[in-house]
Structure formats: structure tokens, C-alpha cells
């Protein structure tokens, strides 16, 4: 092994890589419809619930207007810098003090007067604030809105909607798992661990929750704890490919390259798609007498870090 790869920087690259690949499979990709299509969600009432108009959809209508909307709005506003910004705040805040404060802050970050750019900032900021505070009559409404926002990358909106779902029904583990995923995506490992534990306490038989718990433990450098969590997920559903990839990472950290390679092979056999850079590194590491190029593999995965 190349000893240079033992640095905190390279470990964080590997962690970022694995978290992203874990999220891609645990949540499923946005093109597959989001986390409700994950095996961990199969059969749940939430998965069957008809989707309401979601916070993410509302956000898109604010962020992506028609060209006519932009042209008409720009033409209707004063063209002086201060007056233009004030008019934007009035337009998008609609009397909401929290949105007003957010807009004023975001627009103050502009160093140059750019009407088109400031219009977009106002749309995005107002849309996110409104989407985060949107209310639905049922827990399923909040949960579905949170899923869609999470799939589209609006983590702050997703967190707000998961919290609203919990307020309506604190006994649904899916909402805590959603919060755990969001916290992982923004690097709040301690909070992710706490939320994953709540999900597990409510539904200890869900393999996806054990994987989330393992990811949070791995983020805290508790490699043994993560290993145990991934093994529990594997035991609960031997047909899931993701636990095998996660276990492979743990074994790699423990320098059991042959064992890690076997786990990756099992992941692929079950239909999983492990990180190709990680697979490439293992192909080298698992060959006796071959010095690893893990340092180069680590550099290659830096673009995957969150």
C-alpha cells in the first residue's frame, strides 16, 4: 500500500465517494423516482400514497419561469440598483418577513448590479423559503414533498418537510431516515447518526436504516461499528447488493483486500454497480506482491466527494 493514502484527506475522499454511491442506491437515483422505489420502502403506505403537488414542484415554478415572465418583470421594475432590489424584495416576499430577510441578505451579496442575475437569486431564494414552509394536510403529503426535494438536491427544503412529517406522525421511521440522509449530504455526521438511530429504534428490521446507521458511523471513523451495521443489513436481506459494497470498503480500510474484492464481486453478482474507481483499486490491491496505486485512485475519486 502507498502510505501517503493514509492521510485524512484521502480518507475523506473515500468517505465522500462511498457516501455518494451509497445514497445513489439507498435512495435510488432521481431518474428512478427517488427513495420510495428503494426496496426498504417497498410495501409502505407512503410508497402507495398518491403524490400531492410537491414543494419541489412549487419551487421549480418559481425558479424556471417563461422567457416572457422574465422579460415582463424586468421591464416593469425600476432600473436603478437600490430601487430594483427593493422592488424585487416586495415582489417575492409578499409580506413574509422571513422571506424578506432572506432576499435582502442574498441580494446584498451581489457586488455588481445585474438585473437578470438578481432576478434569478430572488426567484430561487423565495421559492426555497416558500417550499420549505409549505403545509399539507397529511403526513404523506409532507413526506412525498420531502422526497422530491431531496431527489432534486434541495436539502434544506427536504429537511423542513421531513420535520413537518415527523410533527404530524413521530412514529414513522421513514421521516427520520430521510433526515439522516439529508444530514449526511451536508456533512452533519453527528445529527445524521442521531436521526438514523431514531429510524432504527422504530423499525429495526429495515436493512436500509442499518446502512444509514453504518454510513454515519463510518463518517465518525468508527469502522468497526460501521462494519457491524452493514453486516446486520446484509443478514436482514441477503439479496441486497449495497451492504456488500459497504462491507468491501470497511475491509479495504482494514487492509483485507482479498475479502474486500470478494464482497465487491458479490455486490456485482446481485446486480449492484459499485464505484468503478474503488473496483479498479481493489483489482490491484488484491493481487499478491503488487504495490497498490491507491493514492492515484484516491485522486481520481476526488470529484465524487460531496
C-alpha atoms as a PDB file:
ATOM      1  CA  UNK A   1       0.000   0.000   0.000  1.00  0.00           C
ATOM      2  CA  UNK A   2       1.067   3.549  -0.623  1.00  0.00           C
ATOM      3  CA  UNK A   3       1.431   5.077   2.818  1.00  0.00           C
ATOM      4  CA  UNK A   4       0.580   8.553   1.504  1.00  0.00           C
ATOM      5  CA  UNK A   5      -3.048   7.476   1.207  1.00  0.00           C
ATOM      6  CA  UNK A   6      -3.449   7.134   4.942  1.00  0.00           C
ATOM      7  CA  UNK A   7      -3.860  10.894   5.340  1.00  0.00           C
ATOM      8  CA  UNK A   8      -7.132  12.457   6.470  1.00  0.00           C
ATOM      9  CA  UNK A   9      -7.559  13.995   3.032  1.00  0.00           C
ATOM     10  CA  UNK A  10      -7.546  10.656   1.260  1.00  0.00           C
ATOM     11  CA  UNK A  11      -9.801   9.062   3.860  1.00  0.00           C
ATOM     12  CA  UNK A  12     -12.303  11.847   3.374  1.00  0.00           C
ATOM     13  CA  UNK A  13     -12.158  11.313  -0.400  1.00  0.00           C
ATOM     14  CA  UNK A  14     -13.014   7.658   0.084  1.00  0.00           C
ATOM     15  CA  UNK A  15     -15.772   8.511   2.536  1.00  0.00           C
ATOM     16  CA  UNK A  16     -17.255  11.076   0.191  1.00  0.00           C
ATOM     17  CA  UNK A  17     -17.126   8.610  -2.663  1.00  0.00           C
ATOM     18  CA  UNK A  18     -18.809   5.868  -0.697  1.00  0.00           C
ATOM     19  CA  UNK A  19     -21.462   8.131   0.777  1.00  0.00           C
ATOM     20  CA  UNK A  20     -22.458   9.293  -2.675  1.00  0.00           C
ATOM     21  CA  UNK A  21     -22.609   5.804  -4.082  1.00  0.00           C
ATOM     22  CA  UNK A  22     -24.493   4.648  -1.002  1.00  0.00           C
ATOM     23  CA  UNK A  23     -27.005   7.439  -1.358  1.00  0.00           C
ATOM     24  CA  UNK A  24     -27.412   6.714  -5.055  1.00  0.00           C
ATOM     25  CA  UNK A  25     -28.506   3.162  -4.286  1.00  0.00           C
ATOM     26  CA  UNK A  26     -30.231   3.596  -0.928  1.00  0.00           C
ATOM     27  CA  UNK A  27     -32.280   6.498  -2.231  1.00  0.00           C
ATOM     28  CA  UNK A  28     -32.201   5.364  -5.850  1.00  0.00           C
ATOM     29  CA  UNK A  29     -31.460   7.940  -8.474  1.00  0.00           C
ATOM     30  CA  UNK A  30     -33.863  10.734  -9.250  1.00  0.00           C
ATOM     31  CA  UNK A  31     -34.495   9.179 -12.654  1.00  0.00           C
ATOM     32  CA  UNK A  32     -35.888   6.097 -10.923  1.00  0.00           C
ATOM     33  CA  UNK A  33     -38.350   8.119  -8.900  1.00  0.00           C
ATOM     34  CA  UNK A  34     -36.440   8.635  -5.669  1.00  0.00           C
ATOM     35  CA  UNK A  35     -36.196   6.827  -2.356  1.00  0.00           C
ATOM     36  CA  UNK A  36     -39.745   5.491  -2.407  1.00  0.00           C
ATOM     37  CA  UNK A  37     -38.603   2.945  -5.011  1.00  0.00           C
ATOM     38  CA  UNK A  38     -35.862   1.568  -2.762  1.00  0.00           C
ATOM     39  CA  UNK A  39     -36.524  -1.988  -1.506  1.00  0.00           C
ATOM     40  CA  UNK A  40     -36.506  -0.592   2.037  1.00  0.00           C
ATOM     41  CA  UNK A  41     -39.654   1.388   1.198  1.00  0.00           C
ATOM     42  CA  UNK A  42     -41.488  -1.379  -0.656  1.00  0.00           C
ATOM     43  CA  UNK A  43     -44.995  -2.011   0.633  1.00  0.00           C
ATOM     44  CA  UNK A  44     -45.137   1.065   2.873  1.00  0.00           C
ATOM     45  CA  UNK A  45     -48.247   3.211   2.931  1.00  0.00           C
ATOM     46  CA  UNK A  46     -46.136   6.165   1.918  1.00  0.00           C
ATOM     47  CA  UNK A  47     -44.905   4.407  -1.212  1.00  0.00           C
ATOM     48  CA  UNK A  48     -48.516   3.824  -2.275  1.00  0.00           C
ATOM     49  CA  UNK A  49     -49.804   7.293  -1.453  1.00  0.00           C
ATOM     50  CA  UNK A  50     -50.776   9.476  -4.432  1.00  0.00           C
ATOM     51  CA  UNK A  51     -48.254  12.319  -4.641  1.00  0.00           C
ATOM     52  CA  UNK A  52     -49.587  15.788  -3.884  1.00  0.00           C
ATOM     53  CA  UNK A  53     -48.250  18.857  -5.592  1.00  0.00           C
ATOM     54  CA  UNK A  54     -44.824  18.833  -4.012  1.00  0.00           C
ATOM     55  CA  UNK A  55     -42.674  21.548  -2.559  1.00  0.00           C
ATOM     56  CA  UNK A  56     -40.078  20.805  -5.242  1.00  0.00           C
ATOM     57  CA  UNK A  57     -42.648  21.321  -7.989  1.00  0.00           C
ATOM     58  CA  UNK A  58     -43.664  24.624  -6.447  1.00  0.00           C
ATOM     59  CA  UNK A  59     -40.026  25.584  -6.315  1.00  0.00           C
ATOM     60  CA  UNK A  60     -39.496  24.786  -9.993  1.00  0.00           C
ATOM     61  CA  UNK A  61     -42.373  27.046 -10.989  1.00  0.00           C
ATOM     62  CA  UNK A  62     -40.650  29.894  -9.157  1.00  0.00           C
ATOM     63  CA  UNK A  63     -37.117  29.165 -10.347  1.00  0.00           C
ATOM     64  CA  UNK A  64     -37.847  28.440 -14.005  1.00  0.00           C
ATOM     65  CA  UNK A  65     -40.339  30.972 -15.356  1.00  0.00           C
ATOM     66  CA  UNK A  66     -41.029  31.549 -19.019  1.00  0.00           C
ATOM     67  CA  UNK A  67     -38.931  33.999 -21.008  1.00  0.00           C
ATOM     68  CA  UNK A  68     -41.973  36.242 -21.241  1.00  0.00           C
ATOM     69  CA  UNK A  69     -42.293  36.290 -17.444  1.00  0.00           C
ATOM     70  CA  UNK A  70     -38.672  37.354 -17.077  1.00  0.00           C
ATOM     71  CA  UNK A  71     -38.859  39.963 -19.793  1.00  0.00           C
ATOM     72  CA  UNK A  72     -42.103  41.433 -18.496  1.00  0.00           C
ATOM     73  CA  UNK A  73     -40.943  41.543 -14.896  1.00  0.00           C
ATOM     74  CA  UNK A  74     -37.606  43.124 -15.727  1.00  0.00           C
ATOM     75  CA  UNK A  75     -39.355  45.754 -17.822  1.00  0.00           C
ATOM     76  CA  UNK A  76     -41.814  46.584 -15.040  1.00  0.00           C
ATOM     77  CA  UNK A  77     -39.191  47.238 -12.350  1.00  0.00           C
ATOM     78  CA  UNK A  78     -37.120  50.386 -11.839  1.00  0.00           C
ATOM     79  CA  UNK A  79     -33.646  50.116 -13.308  1.00  0.00           C
ATOM     80  CA  UNK A  80     -31.763  51.901 -10.534  1.00  0.00           C
ATOM     81  CA  UNK A  81     -29.810  49.487  -8.330  1.00  0.00           C
ATOM     82  CA  UNK A  82     -31.384  50.223  -4.945  1.00  0.00           C
ATOM     83  CA  UNK A  83     -34.892  50.681  -6.275  1.00  0.00           C
ATOM     84  CA  UNK A  84     -34.634  47.492  -8.365  1.00  0.00           C
ATOM     85  CA  UNK A  85     -33.590  45.387  -5.380  1.00  0.00           C
ATOM     86  CA  UNK A  86     -36.280  46.882  -3.195  1.00  0.00           C
ATOM     87  CA  UNK A  87     -38.911  46.141  -5.825  1.00  0.00           C
ATOM     88  CA  UNK A  88     -37.683  42.533  -6.111  1.00  0.00           C
ATOM     89  CA  UNK A  89     -37.975  42.074  -2.379  1.00  0.00           C
ATOM     90  CA  UNK A  90     -41.519  43.443  -2.400  1.00  0.00           C
ATOM     91  CA  UNK A  91     -42.442  41.238  -5.369  1.00  0.00           C
ATOM     92  CA  UNK A  92     -41.203  37.927  -3.960  1.00  0.00           C
ATOM     93  CA  UNK A  93     -41.503  38.408  -0.193  1.00  0.00           C
ATOM     94  CA  UNK A  94     -45.262  39.024  -0.434  1.00  0.00           C
ATOM     95  CA  UNK A  95     -45.340  40.347   3.108  1.00  0.00           C
ATOM     96  CA  UNK A  96     -43.457  37.377   4.615  1.00  0.00           C
ATOM     97  CA  UNK A  97     -40.807  38.762   6.961  1.00  0.00           C
ATOM     98  CA  UNK A  98     -38.609  35.638   6.880  1.00  0.00           C
ATOM     99  CA  UNK A  99     -38.552  35.658   3.086  1.00  0.00           C
ATOM    100  CA  UNK A 100     -37.902  39.399   3.114  1.00  0.00           C
ATOM    101  CA  UNK A 101     -34.835  38.944   5.328  1.00  0.00           C
ATOM    102  CA  UNK A 102     -33.527  36.091   3.173  1.00  0.00           C
ATOM    103  CA  UNK A 103     -33.966  38.068  -0.031  1.00  0.00           C
ATOM    104  CA  UNK A 104     -32.293  41.147   1.366  1.00  0.00           C
ATOM    105  CA  UNK A 105     -29.343  39.068   2.532  1.00  0.00           C
ATOM    106  CA  UNK A 106     -28.949  37.169  -0.741  1.00  0.00           C
ATOM    107  CA  UNK A 107     -29.226  40.279  -2.887  1.00  0.00           C
ATOM    108  CA  UNK A 108     -26.711  42.085  -0.681  1.00  0.00           C
ATOM    109  CA  UNK A 109     -24.112  39.504  -1.736  1.00  0.00           C
ATOM    110  CA  UNK A 110     -24.067  40.862  -5.285  1.00  0.00           C
ATOM    111  CA  UNK A 111     -21.034  43.048  -5.948  1.00  0.00           C
ATOM    112  CA  UNK A 112     -22.341  44.384  -9.246  1.00  0.00           C
ATOM    113  CA  UNK A 113     -25.754  45.443 -10.439  1.00  0.00           C
ATOM    114  CA  UNK A 114     -27.001  42.577 -12.600  1.00  0.00           C
ATOM    115  CA  UNK A 115     -30.797  42.682 -13.067  1.00  0.00           C
ATOM    116  CA  UNK A 116     -31.108  39.241 -14.683  1.00  0.00           C
ATOM    117  CA  UNK A 117     -28.846  37.616 -12.104  1.00  0.00           C
ATOM    118  CA  UNK A 118     -30.566  39.308  -9.190  1.00  0.00           C
ATOM    119  CA  UNK A 119     -33.944  38.315 -10.547  1.00  0.00           C
ATOM    120  CA  UNK A 120     -32.875  34.687 -10.541  1.00  0.00           C
ATOM    121  CA  UNK A 121     -31.488  34.932  -6.997  1.00  0.00           C
ATOM    122  CA  UNK A 122     -34.774  36.409  -5.821  1.00  0.00           C
ATOM    123  CA  UNK A 123     -36.754  33.650  -7.516  1.00  0.00           C
ATOM    124  CA  UNK A 124     -34.592  30.875  -6.077  1.00  0.00           C
ATOM    125  CA  UNK A 125     -34.472  32.292  -2.557  1.00  0.00           C
ATOM    126  CA  UNK A 126     -38.192  32.992  -2.398  1.00  0.00           C
ATOM    127  CA  UNK A 127     -39.020  29.622  -3.930  1.00  0.00           C
ATOM    128  CA  UNK A 128     -36.912  27.692  -1.444  1.00  0.00           C
ATOM    129  CA  UNK A 129     -38.337  29.550   1.528  1.00  0.00           C
ATOM    130  CA  UNK A 130     -41.917  29.031   0.360  1.00  0.00           C
ATOM    131  CA  UNK A 131     -41.326  25.384  -0.471  1.00  0.00           C
ATOM    132  CA  UNK A 132     -39.738  24.707   2.912  1.00  0.00           C
ATOM    133  CA  UNK A 133     -42.704  26.185   4.751  1.00  0.00           C
ATOM    134  CA  UNK A 134     -45.423  24.623   2.587  1.00  0.00           C
ATOM    135  CA  UNK A 135     -48.103  22.782   4.578  1.00  0.00           C
ATOM    136  CA  UNK A 136     -50.006  19.664   3.542  1.00  0.00           C
ATOM    137  CA  UNK A 137     -52.996  18.072   5.278  1.00  0.00           C
ATOM    138  CA  UNK A 138     -51.365  14.637   5.674  1.00  0.00           C
ATOM    139  CA  UNK A 139     -48.029  13.170   6.674  1.00  0.00           C
ATOM    140  CA  UNK A 140     -47.858  11.545   3.245  1.00  0.00           C
ATOM    141  CA  UNK A 141     -48.019  14.973   1.642  1.00  0.00           C
ATOM    142  CA  UNK A 142     -45.053  16.246   3.614  1.00  0.00           C
ATOM    143  CA  UNK A 143     -43.131  13.025   3.106  1.00  0.00           C
ATOM    144  CA  UNK A 144     -43.626  12.950  -0.661  1.00  0.00           C
ATOM    145  CA  UNK A 145     -42.695  16.636  -0.920  1.00  0.00           C
ATOM    146  CA  UNK A 146     -39.543  15.930   1.092  1.00  0.00           C
ATOM    147  CA  UNK A 147     -38.586  13.001  -1.138  1.00  0.00           C
ATOM    148  CA  UNK A 148     -38.937  15.017  -4.309  1.00  0.00           C
ATOM    149  CA  UNK A 149     -37.000  17.943  -2.895  1.00  0.00           C
ATOM    150  CA  UNK A 150     -34.275  15.535  -1.736  1.00  0.00           C
ATOM    151  CA  UNK A 151     -34.088  13.894  -5.156  1.00  0.00           C
ATOM    152  CA  UNK A 152     -33.711  17.296  -6.805  1.00  0.00           C
ATOM    153  CA  UNK A 153     -30.968  18.400  -4.406  1.00  0.00           C
ATOM    154  CA  UNK A 154     -32.911  20.915  -2.304  1.00  0.00           C
ATOM    155  CA  UNK A 155     -31.696  19.544   1.017  1.00  0.00           C
ATOM    156  CA  UNK A 156     -32.943  22.448   3.129  1.00  0.00           C
ATOM    157  CA  UNK A 157     -36.448  22.064   1.709  1.00  0.00           C
ATOM    158  CA  UNK A 158     -36.335  18.299   2.222  1.00  0.00           C
ATOM    159  CA  UNK A 159     -35.231  18.664   5.847  1.00  0.00           C
ATOM    160  CA  UNK A 160     -38.032  21.092   6.589  1.00  0.00           C
ATOM    161  CA  UNK A 161     -40.646  18.803   5.053  1.00  0.00           C
ATOM    162  CA  UNK A 162     -39.311  15.695   6.837  1.00  0.00           C
ATOM    163  CA  UNK A 163     -39.536  17.613  10.112  1.00  0.00           C
ATOM    164  CA  UNK A 164     -43.124  18.552   9.330  1.00  0.00           C
ATOM    165  CA  UNK A 165     -43.889  14.891   8.592  1.00  0.00           C
ATOM    166  CA  UNK A 166     -42.420  13.925  11.974  1.00  0.00           C
ATOM    167  CA  UNK A 167     -44.518  16.568  13.705  1.00  0.00           C
ATOM    168  CA  UNK A 168     -47.660  15.005  12.203  1.00  0.00           C
ATOM    169  CA  UNK A 169     -46.601  11.414  12.903  1.00  0.00           C
ATOM    170  CA  UNK A 170     -43.494  10.838  15.071  1.00  0.00           C
ATOM    171  CA  UNK A 171     -43.797   7.042  14.738  1.00  0.00           C
ATOM    172  CA  UNK A 172     -42.851   6.760  11.066  1.00  0.00           C
ATOM    173  CA  UNK A 173     -39.259   5.699  10.671  1.00  0.00           C
ATOM    174  CA  UNK A 174     -39.033   6.855   7.045  1.00  0.00           C
ATOM    175  CA  UNK A 175     -39.050  10.507   8.076  1.00  0.00           C
ATOM    176  CA  UNK A 176     -36.106  10.085  10.455  1.00  0.00           C
ATOM    177  CA  UNK A 177     -34.220   8.136   7.785  1.00  0.00           C
ATOM    178  CA  UNK A 178     -34.854  10.971   5.346  1.00  0.00           C
ATOM    179  CA  UNK A 179     -33.433  13.465   7.817  1.00  0.00           C
ATOM    180  CA  UNK A 180     -30.401  11.213   8.308  1.00  0.00           C
ATOM    181  CA  UNK A 181     -29.748  11.153   4.553  1.00  0.00           C
ATOM    182  CA  UNK A 182     -30.040  14.932   4.339  1.00  0.00           C
ATOM    183  CA  UNK A 183     -27.649  15.455   7.239  1.00  0.00           C
ATOM    184  CA  UNK A 184     -25.129  13.095   5.640  1.00  0.00           C
ATOM    185  CA  UNK A 185     -25.295  15.026   2.392  1.00  0.00           C
ATOM    186  CA  UNK A 186     -24.322  18.260   4.114  1.00  0.00           C
ATOM    187  CA  UNK A 187     -21.709  16.656   6.378  1.00  0.00           C
ATOM    188  CA  UNK A 188     -23.580  16.826   9.701  1.00  0.00           C
ATOM    189  CA  UNK A 189     -22.434  13.376  10.780  1.00  0.00           C
ATOM    190  CA  UNK A 190     -23.467  13.581  14.447  1.00  0.00           C
ATOM    191  CA  UNK A 191     -27.001  14.656  13.589  1.00  0.00           C
ATOM    192  CA  UNK A 192     -27.185  12.014  10.844  1.00  0.00           C
ATOM    193  CA  UNK A 193     -26.212   9.365  13.399  1.00  0.00           C
ATOM    194  CA  UNK A 194     -28.896  10.555  15.820  1.00  0.00           C
ATOM    195  CA  UNK A 195     -31.622  10.510  13.160  1.00  0.00           C
ATOM    196  CA  UNK A 196     -30.540   7.110  11.811  1.00  0.00           C
ATOM    197  CA  UNK A 197     -30.705   5.713  15.343  1.00  0.00           C
ATOM    198  CA  UNK A 198     -34.266   7.030  15.734  1.00  0.00           C
ATOM    199  CA  UNK A 199     -35.243   5.306  12.488  1.00  0.00           C
ATOM    200  CA  UNK A 200     -33.678   2.081  13.728  1.00  0.00           C
ATOM    201  CA  UNK A 201     -35.422   2.296  17.086  1.00  0.00           C
ATOM    202  CA  UNK A 202     -38.769   2.453  15.290  1.00  0.00           C
ATOM    203  CA  UNK A 203     -38.006  -0.162  12.610  1.00  0.00           C
ATOM    204  CA  UNK A 204     -35.021  -2.370  13.491  1.00  0.00           C
ATOM    205  CA  UNK A 205     -35.879  -4.822  10.700  1.00  0.00           C
ATOM    206  CA  UNK A 206     -35.264  -2.325   7.879  1.00  0.00           C
ATOM    207  CA  UNK A 207     -31.900  -3.029   6.195  1.00  0.00           C
ATOM    208  CA  UNK A 208     -31.774   0.465   4.702  1.00  0.00           C
ATOM    209  CA  UNK A 209     -31.784   2.002   8.160  1.00  0.00           C
ATOM    210  CA  UNK A 210     -28.842  -0.167   9.236  1.00  0.00           C
ATOM    211  CA  UNK A 211     -26.951   1.010   6.142  1.00  0.00           C
ATOM    212  CA  UNK A 212     -27.665   4.650   7.018  1.00  0.00           C
ATOM    213  CA  UNK A 213     -26.547   3.988  10.579  1.00  0.00           C
ATOM    214  CA  UNK A 214     -23.370   2.401   9.245  1.00  0.00           C
ATOM    215  CA  UNK A 215     -22.676   5.342   6.942  1.00  0.00           C
ATOM    216  CA  UNK A 216     -22.954   7.754   9.862  1.00  0.00           C
ATOM    217  CA  UNK A 217     -20.666   5.593  11.997  1.00  0.00           C
ATOM    218  CA  UNK A 218     -18.177   5.387   9.142  1.00  0.00           C
ATOM    219  CA  UNK A 219     -18.285   9.155   8.895  1.00  0.00           C
ATOM    220  CA  UNK A 220     -17.230   9.292  12.540  1.00  0.00           C
ATOM    221  CA  UNK A 221     -14.308   6.943  11.779  1.00  0.00           C
ATOM    222  CA  UNK A 222     -15.992   4.111  13.711  1.00  0.00           C
ATOM    223  CA  UNK A 223     -15.015   1.496  11.152  1.00  0.00           C
ATOM    224  CA  UNK A 224     -15.884  -1.490  13.348  1.00  0.00           C
ATOM    225  CA  UNK A 225     -19.279  -0.053  14.188  1.00  0.00           C
ATOM    226  CA  UNK A 226     -19.983   0.580  10.521  1.00  0.00           C
ATOM    227  CA  UNK A 227     -18.895  -2.954   9.669  1.00  0.00           C
ATOM    228  CA  UNK A 228     -21.334  -4.397  12.195  1.00  0.00           C
ATOM    229  CA  UNK A 229     -24.179  -2.221  10.899  1.00  0.00           C
ATOM    230  CA  UNK A 230     -23.578  -3.292   7.294  1.00  0.00           C
ATOM    231  CA  UNK A 231     -23.445  -6.942   8.356  1.00  0.00           C
ATOM    232  CA  UNK A 232     -26.823  -6.561  10.070  1.00  0.00           C
ATOM    233  CA  UNK A 233     -28.270  -5.096   6.874  1.00  0.00           C
ATOM    234  CA  UNK A 234     -26.834  -7.984   4.902  1.00  0.00           C
ATOM    235  CA  UNK A 235     -28.339 -10.517   7.305  1.00  0.00           C
ATOM    236  CA  UNK A 236     -31.763  -8.900   7.087  1.00  0.00           C
ATOM    237  CA  UNK A 237     -31.812  -9.072   3.285  1.00  0.00           C
ATOM    238  CA  UNK A 238     -29.081 -11.225   1.687  1.00  0.00           C
ATOM    239  CA  UNK A 239     -30.258 -10.225  -1.794  1.00  0.00           C
ATOM    240  CA  UNK A 240     -29.395  -6.540  -1.413  1.00  0.00           C
ATOM    241  CA  UNK A 241     -26.126  -5.655  -3.207  1.00  0.00           C
ATOM    242  CA  UNK A 242     -25.368  -2.438  -1.313  1.00  0.00           C
ATOM    243  CA  UNK A 243     -24.316  -3.996   2.030  1.00  0.00           C
ATOM    244  CA  UNK A 244     -21.634  -5.972   0.190  1.00  0.00           C
ATOM    245  CA  UNK A 245     -20.151  -2.809  -1.316  1.00  0.00           C
ATOM    246  CA  UNK A 246     -20.191  -1.108   2.078  1.00  0.00           C
ATOM    247  CA  UNK A 247     -18.530  -4.099   3.724  1.00  0.00           C
ATOM    248  CA  UNK A 248     -15.909  -4.066   0.972  1.00  0.00           C
ATOM    249  CA  UNK A 249     -14.986  -0.502   1.915  1.00  0.00           C
ATOM    250  CA  UNK A 250     -14.634  -1.468   5.560  1.00  0.00           C
ATOM    251  CA  UNK A 251     -12.478  -4.466   4.707  1.00  0.00           C
ATOM    252  CA  UNK A 252     -10.359  -2.263   2.455  1.00  0.00           C
ATOM    253  CA  UNK A 253      -9.802   0.087   5.369  1.00  0.00           C
ATOM    254  CA  UNK A 254      -8.696  -2.935   7.390  1.00  0.00           C
ATOM    255  CA  UNK A 255      -6.333  -3.927   4.560  1.00  0.00           C
ATOM    256  CA  UNK A 256      -8.222  -7.155   3.897  1.00  0.00           C
ATOM    257  CA  UNK A 257      -8.036  -6.607   0.140  1.00  0.00           C
ATOM    258  CA  UNK A 258      -8.931 -10.145  -0.845  1.00  0.00           C
ATOM    259  CA  UNK A 259     -12.022 -10.080   1.375  1.00  0.00           C
ATOM    260  CA  UNK A 260     -12.989  -6.675   0.005  1.00  0.00           C
ATOM    261  CA  UNK A 261     -12.659  -7.936  -3.560  1.00  0.00           C
ATOM    262  CA  UNK A 262     -14.919 -10.888  -2.737  1.00  0.00           C
ATOM    263  CA  UNK A 263     -17.569  -8.533  -1.364  1.00  0.00           C
ATOM    264  CA  UNK A 264     -17.413  -6.334  -4.469  1.00  0.00           C
ATOM    265  CA  UNK A 265     -17.801  -9.418  -6.666  1.00  0.00           C
ATOM    266  CA  UNK A 266     -20.864 -10.428  -4.638  1.00  0.00           C
ATOM    267  CA  UNK A 267     -22.290  -6.938  -4.992  1.00  0.00           C
ATOM    268  CA  UNK A 268     -21.948  -7.156  -8.774  1.00  0.00           C
ATOM    269  CA  UNK A 269     -23.392 -10.683  -8.809  1.00  0.00           C
ATOM    270  CA  UNK A 270     -26.516  -9.345  -7.057  1.00  0.00           C
ATOM    271  CA  UNK A 271     -26.918  -6.566  -9.617  1.00  0.00           C
ATOM    272  CA  UNK A 272     -25.125  -3.756  -7.832  1.00  0.00           C
ATOM    273  CA  UNK A 273     -22.938  -1.153  -9.535  1.00  0.00           C
ATOM    274  CA  UNK A 274     -20.006  -0.372  -7.222  1.00  0.00           C
ATOM    275  CA  UNK A 275     -17.759   2.647  -7.641  1.00  0.00           C
ATOM    276  CA  UNK A 276     -15.534   1.821 -10.647  1.00  0.00           C
ATOM    277  CA  UNK A 277     -12.501   3.615  -9.169  1.00  0.00           C
ATOM    278  CA  UNK A 278     -12.803   1.599  -5.989  1.00  0.00           C
ATOM    279  CA  UNK A 279     -13.088  -1.611  -8.029  1.00  0.00           C
ATOM    280  CA  UNK A 280     -10.004  -0.634 -10.031  1.00  0.00           C
ATOM    281  CA  UNK A 281      -8.008  -0.093  -6.848  1.00  0.00           C
ATOM    282  CA  UNK A 282      -9.127  -3.418  -5.400  1.00  0.00           C
ATOM    283  CA  UNK A 283      -8.108  -5.269  -8.540  1.00  0.00           C
ATOM    284  CA  UNK A 284      -4.564  -4.094  -7.828  1.00  0.00           C
ATOM    285  CA  UNK A 285      -4.659  -4.379  -4.031  1.00  0.00           C
ATOM    286  CA  UNK A 286      -5.937  -7.966  -4.069  1.00  0.00           C
ATOM    287  CA  UNK A 287      -3.040  -9.246  -6.216  1.00  0.00           C
ATOM    288  CA  UNK A 288      -0.223 -10.657  -4.072  1.00  0.00           C
ATOM    289  CA  UNK A 289       3.051  -8.788  -4.399  1.00  0.00           C
ATOM    290  CA  UNK A 290       1.579  -5.850  -6.302  1.00  0.00           C
ATOM    291  CA  UNK A 291       2.087  -2.425  -4.755  1.00  0.00           C
ATOM    292  CA  UNK A 292      -1.195  -0.513  -4.646  1.00  0.00           C
ATOM    293  CA  UNK A 293      -1.882   2.616  -6.661  1.00  0.00           C
ATOM    294  CA  UNK A 294      -4.496   3.662  -4.097  1.00  0.00           C
ATOM    295  CA  UNK A 295      -3.056   7.155  -3.982  1.00  0.00           C
ATOM    296  CA  UNK A 296      -3.865   7.672  -7.653  1.00  0.00           C
ATOM    297  CA  UNK A 297      -7.254   6.015  -7.189  1.00  0.00           C
ATOM    298  CA  UNK A 298      -7.931   8.412  -4.327  1.00  0.00           C
ATOM    299  CA  UNK A 299      -7.078  11.373  -6.516  1.00  0.00           C
ATOM    300  CA  UNK A 300      -9.385  10.064  -9.201  1.00  0.00           C
ATOM    301  CA  UNK A 301     -12.338   9.924  -6.783  1.00  0.00           C
ATOM    302  CA  UNK A 302     -11.975  13.466  -5.525  1.00  0.00           C
ATOM    303  CA  UNK A 303     -14.605  14.656  -7.990  1.00  0.00           C
ATOM    304  CA  UNK A 304     -17.113  12.374  -6.253  1.00  0.00           C
ATOM    305  CA  UNK A 305     -16.686  13.971  -2.823  1.00  0.00           C
ATOM    306  CA  UNK A 306     -19.761  15.876  -1.645  1.00  0.00           C
END
